[in-house]
Amino acid sequence: MTSGARTVDWATYDAVLFDLDGVITPTAEVHMRAWESMFNGYLTSRADEQATYTDADYFAHVDGKPRYDGVRDFLASRGIVLPEGTSDDDDARETVRGLGNRKNNAFNEVLARDGVAAYPGSLALLDHLASLGLPMAVVSSSVNAPAVLTAAGLLDRFQTVVDGKVAADLGLPGKPAPDTFWHAADAVGATLTGAVVLEDAVSGVRAGAAGGFGLVVGVDRGAGSATLTAAGADLVVADLRELVP
């Protein structure tokens, strides 16, 4: 394990709440490239000179957040203010939601073209938890979570999927607020102290830490072990296979 040198006694927990992108499937990389393409295309179209969007911007401002929050937070980091727009804005519109829709379209094009397969280590943990009869849920800021799970053949593994659409429909604030994790725990009948949160994003780890959950596991796919620990992870692993006894 990257930190927190101990195994997890899964029998002491009621349920496991997974983030999706970067935890179960390697779609975080697809999201990263879609954000990069969208933001750098937008920045180069501006009359003022803006520094290129980089992976550091992704981890600092975008990773794990609801899509429009990510657009808004990155633009704020550059001192750029755009109209909010509406969720049905065409992706050519220069609004927060227009840019967010542009990114979402780029992601869906890659998903349709290339498909997705789960990390082998994540499949190993899913199999182990299923053998224990532990309820499992996906908690993702992305509205694409059901499509990704379907493409990976994993949708039926989870008792509930709390994605960006569910959060919007219920008026739940996104990560780093813990509300979507709270909703998932309630949906699978778990107590907060009996639920485990697995997250690769700083915003998601912060949500787990703020939610009063029994265990928050950081999955280091690039954010860094020290960063995830500082955000509130109880332990950090490089791959979920490390959590299989």
Foldseek 3Di string as FASTA:
>chain_A
DQDDPDADPLVQFAAEEEAPDPAWWVLVVLLLVLLQVLVQVVQVVDPDHDDRDDVVLCQVQPPQFQQLSSLVRSCVVRVHDFAQDDCPDPLVDPHSNSSSVSSVVSSVVCCVVPFIETDPLSVVVLVQVVVVVHAYEYEGAAPCVVVNCVSHVRPVSHPYYHYNVNCVVVVHHGFVAQRSVVVRCVSSVTDQLRYEYEEAGLRVLLSNQVSSHNAYEHADPPSDQVSSVVSPHSYYDPGNNSNRD
